[in-house]
Amino acid sequence: MSSIHVDLLSLRTALEESWRPDTANLGVNVKGNPALGQCYPSSRVIQFFFPESEIAEGIVITPSGTAEKHFWNVFKVDDKDVPVDFTWQQFPPHSYVKSWKIRDRNHLNDSEPTIQRVNLLLERVKHQLAGSRF
């Protein structure tokens, strides 16, 4: 559980300020698309601050027909699933989610490099949030 209390808007800003190629999947770095490759570590960081959220894993279809794996968070509100996706902007307009499922939080099976990327992003976000309090 985090000792930093934060709202989703502040967390989104801190995440966006903290994304770097070293936290992106496979170190991707596309000018003008800072969210690319940041979906999984971002969803894990969101879950750190909001442990009641779940991580969704889905397939996104882009207008060109490409299928891409994507991750985001899901909150339960009035018994309904409400998606929270701070990295959707990495996809071109008219992309859509073809299918998705909730990941089992007890069996994420993250690789060591993934854990390192998540921890790096988490530390940067904590720093950003601490700095925004002054």
N, C-alpha and C. Protein backbone atom coordinates (compact mmCIF):
# COMPACT_ATOMS: atom_id res chain seq x y z
N MET A 1 0.84 -1.18 0.00
CA MET A 1 0.00 0.00 0.00
C MET A 1 0.89 1.24 0.00
N SER A 2 0.49 2.23 -0.75
CA SER A 2 1.28 3.45 -0.89
C SER A 2 1.00 4.42 0.24
N SER A 3 2.03 5.15 0.67
CA SER A 3 1.83 6.20 1.67
C SER A 3 1.50 7.53 1.00
N ILE A 4 1.63 7.60 -0.30
CA ILE A 4 1.28 8.80 -1.06
C ILE A 4 -0.17 8.69 -1.48
N HIS A 5 -0.98 9.68 -1.14
CA HIS A 5 -2.38 9.70 -1.55
C HIS A 5 -2.47 10.56 -2.79
N VAL A 6 -3.12 10.03 -3.82
CA VAL A 6 -3.11 10.71 -5.11
C VAL A 6 -4.46 10.50 -5.81
N ASP A 7 -4.82 11.44 -6.65
CA ASP A 7 -6.02 11.27 -7.47
C ASP A 7 -5.58 10.84 -8.88
N LEU A 8 -6.51 10.36 -9.67
CA LEU A 8 -6.17 9.83 -11.00
C LEU A 8 -5.59 10.90 -11.92
N LEU A 9 -6.08 12.12 -11.85
CA LEU A 9 -5.56 13.18 -12.72
C LEU A 9 -4.09 13.48 -12.40
N SER A 10 -3.76 13.60 -11.12
CA SER A 10 -2.36 13.84 -10.73
C SER A 10 -1.48 12.67 -11.13
N LEU A 11 -2.01 11.45 -10.98
CA LEU A 11 -1.25 10.27 -11.35
C LEU A 11 -1.00 10.22 -12.85
N ARG A 12 -2.00 10.58 -13.63
CA ARG A 12 -1.81 10.59 -15.09
C ARG A 12 -0.70 11.57 -15.47
N THR A 13 -0.73 12.75 -14.90
CA THR A 13 0.30 13.75 -15.20
C THR A 13 1.68 13.24 -14.80
N ALA A 14 1.77 12.65 -13.62
CA ALA A 14 3.06 12.13 -13.15
C ALA A 14 3.56 11.00 -14.05
N LEU A 15 2.67 10.14 -14.49
CA LEU A 15 3.07 9.07 -15.41
C LEU A 15 3.62 9.65 -16.70
N GLU A 16 2.88 10.56 -17.30
CA GLU A 16 3.30 11.14 -18.57
C GLU A 16 4.65 11.85 -18.46
N GLU A 17 4.91 12.47 -17.31
CA GLU A 17 6.19 13.14 -17.09
C GLU A 17 7.32 12.13 -16.84
N SER A 18 6.98 10.91 -16.51
CA SER A 18 7.97 9.90 -16.13
C SER A 18 8.31 8.90 -17.22
N TRP A 19 7.53 8.87 -18.30
CA TRP A 19 7.81 7.91 -19.37
C TRP A 19 9.12 8.23 -20.07
N ARG A 20 9.92 7.21 -20.26
CA ARG A 20 11.19 7.30 -21.00
C ARG A 20 11.36 5.98 -21.76
N PRO A 21 12.25 5.93 -22.73
CA PRO A 21 12.49 4.66 -23.44
C PRO A 21 12.88 3.51 -22.50
N ASP A 22 13.54 3.83 -21.38
CA ASP A 22 13.96 2.74 -20.49
C ASP A 22 12.81 2.16 -19.67
N THR A 23 11.62 2.75 -19.74
CA THR A 23 10.44 2.16 -19.10
C THR A 23 9.48 1.58 -20.13
N ALA A 24 9.75 1.79 -21.40
CA ALA A 24 8.88 1.29 -22.48
C ALA A 24 9.23 -0.15 -22.84
N ASN A 25 8.23 -0.88 -23.30
CA ASN A 25 8.45 -2.24 -23.79
C ASN A 25 9.46 -2.20 -24.93
N LEU A 26 10.49 -3.02 -24.82
CA LEU A 26 11.56 -3.12 -25.82
C LEU A 26 12.27 -1.79 -26.07
N GLY A 27 12.15 -0.85 -25.13
CA GLY A 27 12.84 0.43 -25.26
C GLY A 27 12.37 1.29 -26.42
N VAL A 28 11.12 1.08 -26.87
CA VAL A 28 10.64 1.84 -28.02
C VAL A 28 10.67 3.33 -27.72
N ASN A 29 10.95 4.09 -28.75
CA ASN A 29 11.04 5.54 -28.62
C ASN A 29 10.65 6.15 -29.95
N VAL A 30 9.39 6.56 -30.06
CA VAL A 30 8.89 7.16 -31.28
C VAL A 30 8.55 8.62 -30.99
N LYS A 31 9.21 9.52 -31.66
CA LYS A 31 8.97 10.94 -31.44
C LYS A 31 7.49 11.25 -31.65
N GLY A 32 6.92 11.99 -30.71
CA GLY A 32 5.52 12.36 -30.80
C GLY A 32 4.55 11.31 -30.26
N ASN A 33 5.09 10.17 -29.78
CA ASN A 33 4.23 9.12 -29.23
C ASN A 33 4.84 8.57 -27.94
N PRO A 34 4.91 9.41 -26.89
CA PRO A 34 5.57 8.98 -25.66
C PRO A 34 4.86 7.83 -24.94
N ALA A 35 3.58 7.59 -25.20
CA ALA A 35 2.84 6.52 -24.53
C ALA A 35 3.15 5.14 -25.12
N LEU A 36 3.75 5.10 -26.29
CA LEU A 36 4.02 3.83 -26.96
C LEU A 36 4.92 2.95 -26.09
N GLY A 37 4.46 1.74 -25.81
CA GLY A 37 5.23 0.79 -25.02
C GLY A 37 5.13 0.99 -23.52
N GLN A 38 4.35 1.96 -23.08
CA GLN A 38 4.27 2.28 -21.65
C GLN A 38 3.04 1.68 -20.97
N CYS A 39 2.21 0.94 -21.72
CA CYS A 39 0.93 0.52 -21.16
C CYS A 39 1.06 -0.43 -19.96
N TYR A 40 1.90 -1.44 -20.06
CA TYR A 40 1.98 -2.39 -18.94
C TYR A 40 2.60 -1.77 -17.70
N PRO A 41 3.77 -1.13 -17.79
CA PRO A 41 4.31 -0.54 -16.57
C PRO A 41 3.37 0.53 -15.98
N SER A 42 2.69 1.25 -16.83
CA SER A 42 1.74 2.26 -16.33
C SER A 42 0.58 1.61 -15.59
N SER A 43 0.06 0.51 -16.14
CA SER A 43 -1.05 -0.17 -15.46
C SER A 43 -0.62 -0.73 -14.12
N ARG A 44 0.61 -1.20 -14.03
CA ARG A 44 1.12 -1.70 -12.74
C ARG A 44 1.28 -0.55 -11.74
N VAL A 45 1.76 0.60 -12.20
CA VAL A 45 1.92 1.75 -11.31
C VAL A 45 0.54 2.23 -10.83
N ILE A 46 -0.42 2.28 -11.71
CA ILE A 46 -1.77 2.67 -11.31
C ILE A 46 -2.28 1.71 -10.24
N GLN A 47 -2.06 0.42 -10.44
CA GLN A 47 -2.51 -0.57 -9.46
C GLN A 47 -1.79 -0.40 -8.12
N PHE A 48 -0.56 0.06 -8.14
CA PHE A 48 0.16 0.33 -6.90
C PHE A 48 -0.57 1.40 -6.08
N PHE A 49 -1.00 2.47 -6.74
CA PHE A 49 -1.68 3.56 -6.05
C PHE A 49 -3.16 3.28 -5.81
N PHE A 50 -3.75 2.44 -6.67
CA PHE A 50 -5.16 2.08 -6.56
C PHE A 50 -5.27 0.56 -6.58
N PRO A 51 -4.94 -0.09 -5.47
CA PRO A 51 -4.89 -1.55 -5.44
C PRO A 51 -6.23 -2.22 -5.73
N GLU A 52 -7.31 -1.48 -5.64
CA GLU A 52 -8.61 -2.05 -5.97
C GLU A 52 -8.81 -2.22 -7.47
N SER A 53 -7.96 -1.59 -8.27
CA SER A 53 -8.09 -1.71 -9.73
C SER A 53 -7.50 -3.04 -10.19
N GLU A 54 -7.99 -3.50 -11.31
CA GLU A 54 -7.46 -4.70 -11.96
C GLU A 54 -6.72 -4.29 -13.21
N ILE A 55 -5.88 -5.17 -13.71
CA ILE A 55 -5.18 -4.92 -14.98
C ILE A 55 -5.86 -5.74 -16.06
N ALA A 56 -6.25 -5.04 -17.12
CA ALA A 56 -6.85 -5.70 -18.27
C ALA A 56 -5.77 -5.91 -19.33
N GLU A 57 -5.86 -7.04 -20.00
CA GLU A 57 -4.97 -7.37 -21.12
C GLU A 57 -5.87 -7.60 -22.32
N GLY A 58 -5.60 -6.88 -23.40
CA GLY A 58 -6.46 -7.01 -24.56
C GLY A 58 -5.72 -6.93 -25.87
N ILE A 59 -6.48 -7.11 -26.91
CA ILE A 59 -5.97 -6.99 -28.27
C ILE A 59 -6.63 -5.78 -28.91
N VAL A 60 -5.80 -4.86 -29.40
CA VAL A 60 -6.28 -3.66 -30.08
C VAL A 60 -6.03 -3.83 -31.57
N ILE A 61 -7.05 -3.54 -32.35
CA ILE A 61 -6.95 -3.58 -33.80
C ILE A 61 -6.83 -2.14 -34.30
N THR A 62 -5.78 -1.86 -35.05
CA THR A 62 -5.57 -0.53 -35.60
C THR A 62 -6.25 -0.44 -36.96
N PRO A 63 -6.43 0.77 -37.51
CA PRO A 63 -7.08 0.91 -38.81
C PRO A 63 -6.38 0.14 -39.94
N SER A 64 -5.08 -0.09 -39.79
CA SER A 64 -4.36 -0.86 -40.81
C SER A 64 -4.59 -2.36 -40.67
N GLY A 65 -5.29 -2.78 -39.59
CA GLY A 65 -5.57 -4.19 -39.37
C GLY A 65 -4.57 -4.88 -38.47
N THR A 66 -3.57 -4.14 -37.99
CA THR A 66 -2.58 -4.71 -37.09
C THR A 66 -3.22 -5.01 -35.73
N ALA A 67 -2.91 -6.17 -35.18
CA ALA A 67 -3.37 -6.54 -33.84
C ALA A 67 -2.22 -6.34 -32.86
N GLU A 68 -2.47 -5.55 -31.81
CA GLU A 68 -1.43 -5.26 -30.84
C GLU A 68 -1.92 -5.56 -29.43
N LYS A 69 -1.04 -6.16 -28.61
CA LYS A 69 -1.37 -6.40 -27.20
C LYS A 69 -1.35 -5.07 -26.46
N HIS A 70 -2.30 -4.91 -25.54
CA HIS A 70 -2.40 -3.66 -24.80
C HIS A 70 -2.87 -3.95 -23.38
N PHE A 71 -2.51 -3.07 -22.45
CA PHE A 71 -2.88 -3.20 -21.05
C PHE A 71 -3.46 -1.88 -20.55
N TRP A 72 -4.43 -1.97 -19.64
CA TRP A 72 -5.02 -0.81 -19.00
C TRP A 72 -5.63 -1.27 -17.68
N ASN A 73 -6.21 -0.35 -16.94
CA ASN A 73 -6.80 -0.69 -15.65
C ASN A 73 -8.32 -0.69 -15.74
N VAL A 74 -8.93 -1.46 -14.85
CA VAL A 74 -10.38 -1.52 -14.76
C VAL A 74 -10.75 -1.33 -13.29
N PHE A 75 -11.67 -0.40 -13.06
CA PHE A 75 -12.21 -0.15 -11.73
C PHE A 75 -13.65 -0.64 -11.71
N LYS A 76 -14.07 -1.16 -10.60
CA LYS A 76 -15.46 -1.58 -10.41
C LYS A 76 -16.19 -0.40 -9.79
N VAL A 77 -17.21 0.12 -10.49
CA VAL A 77 -18.01 1.23 -10.00
C VAL A 77 -19.47 0.83 -10.14
N ASP A 78 -20.18 0.80 -9.03
CA ASP A 78 -21.58 0.38 -9.04
C ASP A 78 -21.76 -0.94 -9.78
N ASP A 79 -20.85 -1.87 -9.50
CA ASP A 79 -20.88 -3.22 -10.07
C ASP A 79 -20.67 -3.25 -11.60
N LYS A 80 -20.10 -2.17 -12.14
CA LYS A 80 -19.78 -2.12 -13.57
C LYS A 80 -18.29 -1.93 -13.75
N ASP A 81 -17.74 -2.51 -14.81
CA ASP A 81 -16.33 -2.34 -15.14
C ASP A 81 -16.14 -0.99 -15.83
N VAL A 82 -15.26 -0.17 -15.25
CA VAL A 82 -14.96 1.14 -15.83
C VAL A 82 -13.48 1.15 -16.21
N PRO A 83 -13.20 1.25 -17.53
CA PRO A 83 -11.80 1.25 -17.95
C PRO A 83 -11.12 2.59 -17.69
N VAL A 84 -9.86 2.52 -17.28
CA VAL A 84 -9.01 3.70 -17.13
C VAL A 84 -7.74 3.39 -17.91
N ASP A 85 -7.54 4.13 -18.99
CA ASP A 85 -6.44 3.84 -19.91
C ASP A 85 -5.68 5.12 -20.21
N PHE A 86 -4.53 5.29 -19.55
CA PHE A 86 -3.73 6.50 -19.73
C PHE A 86 -2.76 6.41 -20.91
N THR A 87 -2.75 5.29 -21.62
CA THR A 87 -1.81 5.13 -22.73
C THR A 87 -2.52 4.88 -24.07
N TRP A 88 -3.82 5.02 -24.11
CA TRP A 88 -4.57 4.76 -25.34
C TRP A 88 -4.09 5.65 -26.49
N GLN A 89 -3.60 6.84 -26.18
CA GLN A 89 -3.19 7.78 -27.23
C GLN A 89 -2.05 7.24 -28.09
N GLN A 90 -1.45 6.12 -27.71
CA GLN A 90 -0.39 5.54 -28.55
C GLN A 90 -0.95 4.96 -29.84
N PHE A 91 -2.27 4.71 -29.88
CA PHE A 91 -2.89 4.11 -31.05
C PHE A 91 -3.49 5.16 -31.97
N PRO A 92 -3.51 4.88 -33.28
CA PRO A 92 -4.11 5.84 -34.20
C PRO A 92 -5.63 5.91 -34.02
N PRO A 93 -6.25 7.01 -34.45
CA PRO A 93 -7.71 7.12 -34.37
C PRO A 93 -8.38 5.93 -35.07
N HIS A 94 -9.53 5.56 -34.58
CA HIS A 94 -10.35 4.46 -35.11
C HIS A 94 -9.80 3.08 -34.76
N SER A 95 -8.83 3.02 -33.85
CA SER A 95 -8.41 1.72 -33.30
C SER A 95 -9.50 1.28 -32.33
N TYR A 96 -9.57 -0.02 -32.09
CA TYR A 96 -10.59 -0.52 -31.17
C TYR A 96 -10.10 -1.78 -30.47
N VAL A 97 -10.70 -2.05 -29.31
CA VAL A 97 -10.38 -3.25 -28.55
C VAL A 97 -11.21 -4.40 -29.10
N LYS A 98 -10.52 -5.43 -29.58
CA LYS A 98 -11.20 -6.60 -30.12
C LYS A 98 -11.65 -7.54 -29.01
N SER A 99 -10.77 -7.76 -28.04
CA SER A 99 -11.08 -8.65 -26.92
C SER A 99 -10.20 -8.27 -25.74
N TRP A 100 -10.65 -8.67 -24.54
CA TRP A 100 -9.85 -8.40 -23.35
C TRP A 100 -10.26 -9.32 -22.21
N LYS A 101 -9.35 -9.40 -21.22
CA LYS A 101 -9.60 -10.19 -20.02
C LYS A 101 -8.87 -9.52 -18.86
N ILE A 102 -9.31 -9.82 -17.66
CA ILE A 102 -8.63 -9.34 -16.46
C ILE A 102 -7.49 -10.29 -16.16
N ARG A 103 -6.31 -9.73 -15.92
CA ARG A 103 -5.15 -10.56 -15.56
C ARG A 103 -5.26 -11.01 -14.11
N ASP A 104 -4.78 -12.18 -13.84
CA ASP A 104 -4.76 -12.71 -12.49
C ASP A 104 -3.61 -12.04 -11.73
N ARG A 105 -3.95 -11.17 -10.81
CA ARG A 105 -2.93 -10.40 -10.09
C ARG A 105 -1.99 -11.28 -9.27
N ASN A 106 -2.40 -12.50 -8.97
CA ASN A 106 -1.56 -13.41 -8.20
C ASN A 106 -0.58 -14.20 -9.06
N HIS A 107 -0.72 -14.12 -10.36
CA HIS A 107 0.15 -14.86 -11.28
C HIS A 107 0.49 -14.01 -12.50
N LEU A 108 1.15 -12.88 -12.26
CA LEU A 108 1.51 -11.99 -13.37
C LEU A 108 2.67 -12.54 -14.18
N ASN A 109 3.55 -13.29 -13.52
CA ASN A 109 4.70 -13.90 -14.19
C ASN A 109 5.54 -12.90 -14.97
N ASP A 110 5.76 -11.73 -14.38
CA ASP A 110 6.58 -10.71 -15.03
C ASP A 110 8.04 -11.14 -15.08
N SER A 111 8.69 -10.84 -16.18
CA SER A 111 10.12 -11.12 -16.29
C SER A 111 10.90 -10.11 -15.45
N GLU A 112 12.15 -10.41 -15.17
CA GLU A 112 12.99 -9.49 -14.41
C GLU A 112 13.12 -8.13 -15.11
N PRO A 113 13.34 -8.07 -16.43
CA PRO A 113 13.39 -6.75 -17.08
C PRO A 113 12.08 -5.97 -16.95
N THR A 114 10.95 -6.66 -17.00
CA THR A 114 9.66 -5.99 -16.84
C THR A 114 9.53 -5.43 -15.43
N ILE A 115 9.90 -6.22 -14.44
CA ILE A 115 9.85 -5.75 -13.05
C ILE A 115 10.73 -4.53 -12.88
N GLN A 116 11.89 -4.53 -13.49
CA GLN A 116 12.80 -3.38 -13.40
C GLN A 116 12.17 -2.14 -14.04
N ARG A 117 11.52 -2.31 -15.20
CA ARG A 117 10.87 -1.17 -15.86
C ARG A 117 9.74 -0.62 -15.00
N VAL A 118 8.94 -1.51 -14.41
CA VAL A 118 7.84 -1.09 -13.55
C VAL A 118 8.39 -0.33 -12.34
N ASN A 119 9.41 -0.87 -11.69
CA ASN A 119 9.98 -0.22 -10.51
C ASN A 119 10.60 1.13 -10.85
N LEU A 120 11.25 1.22 -11.98
CA LEU A 120 11.83 2.49 -12.41
C LEU A 120 10.74 3.54 -12.64
N LEU A 121 9.68 3.13 -13.34
CA LEU A 121 8.58 4.06 -13.57
C LEU A 121 7.92 4.45 -12.24
N LEU A 122 7.72 3.51 -11.36
CA LEU A 122 7.11 3.80 -10.06
C LEU A 122 7.93 4.82 -9.28
N GLU A 123 9.24 4.66 -9.24
CA GLU A 123 10.09 5.60 -8.51
C GLU A 123 10.02 6.99 -9.13
N ARG A 124 10.01 7.08 -10.45
CA ARG A 124 9.90 8.39 -11.10
C ARG A 124 8.56 9.04 -10.80
N VAL A 125 7.49 8.25 -10.84
CA VAL A 125 6.16 8.78 -10.55
C VAL A 125 6.09 9.28 -9.11
N LYS A 126 6.62 8.51 -8.16
CA LYS A 126 6.64 8.96 -6.76
C LYS A 126 7.38 10.29 -6.64
N HIS A 127 8.49 10.40 -7.34
CA HIS A 127 9.28 11.64 -7.31
C HIS A 127 8.45 12.80 -7.89
N GLN A 128 7.79 12.56 -9.01
CA GLN A 128 6.95 13.59 -9.63
C GLN A 128 5.84 14.03 -8.68
N LEU A 129 5.20 13.06 -8.05
CA LEU A 129 4.09 13.38 -7.15
C LEU A 129 4.58 14.13 -5.91
N ALA A 130 5.73 13.75 -5.40
CA ALA A 130 6.29 14.45 -4.23
C ALA A 130 6.63 15.89 -4.60
N GLY A 131 7.17 16.07 -5.81
CA GLY A 131 7.54 17.41 -6.27
C GLY A 131 6.34 18.30 -6.50
N SER A 132 5.21 17.71 -6.85
CA SER A 132 4.02 18.52 -7.14
C SER A 132 3.34 19.00 -5.88
N ARG A 133 3.81 18.57 -4.72
CA ARG A 133 3.18 18.95 -3.45
C ARG A 133 3.75 20.25 -2.89
N PHE A 134 4.73 20.86 -3.57
CA PHE A 134 5.35 22.08 -3.05
C PHE A 134 4.87 23.29 -3.81
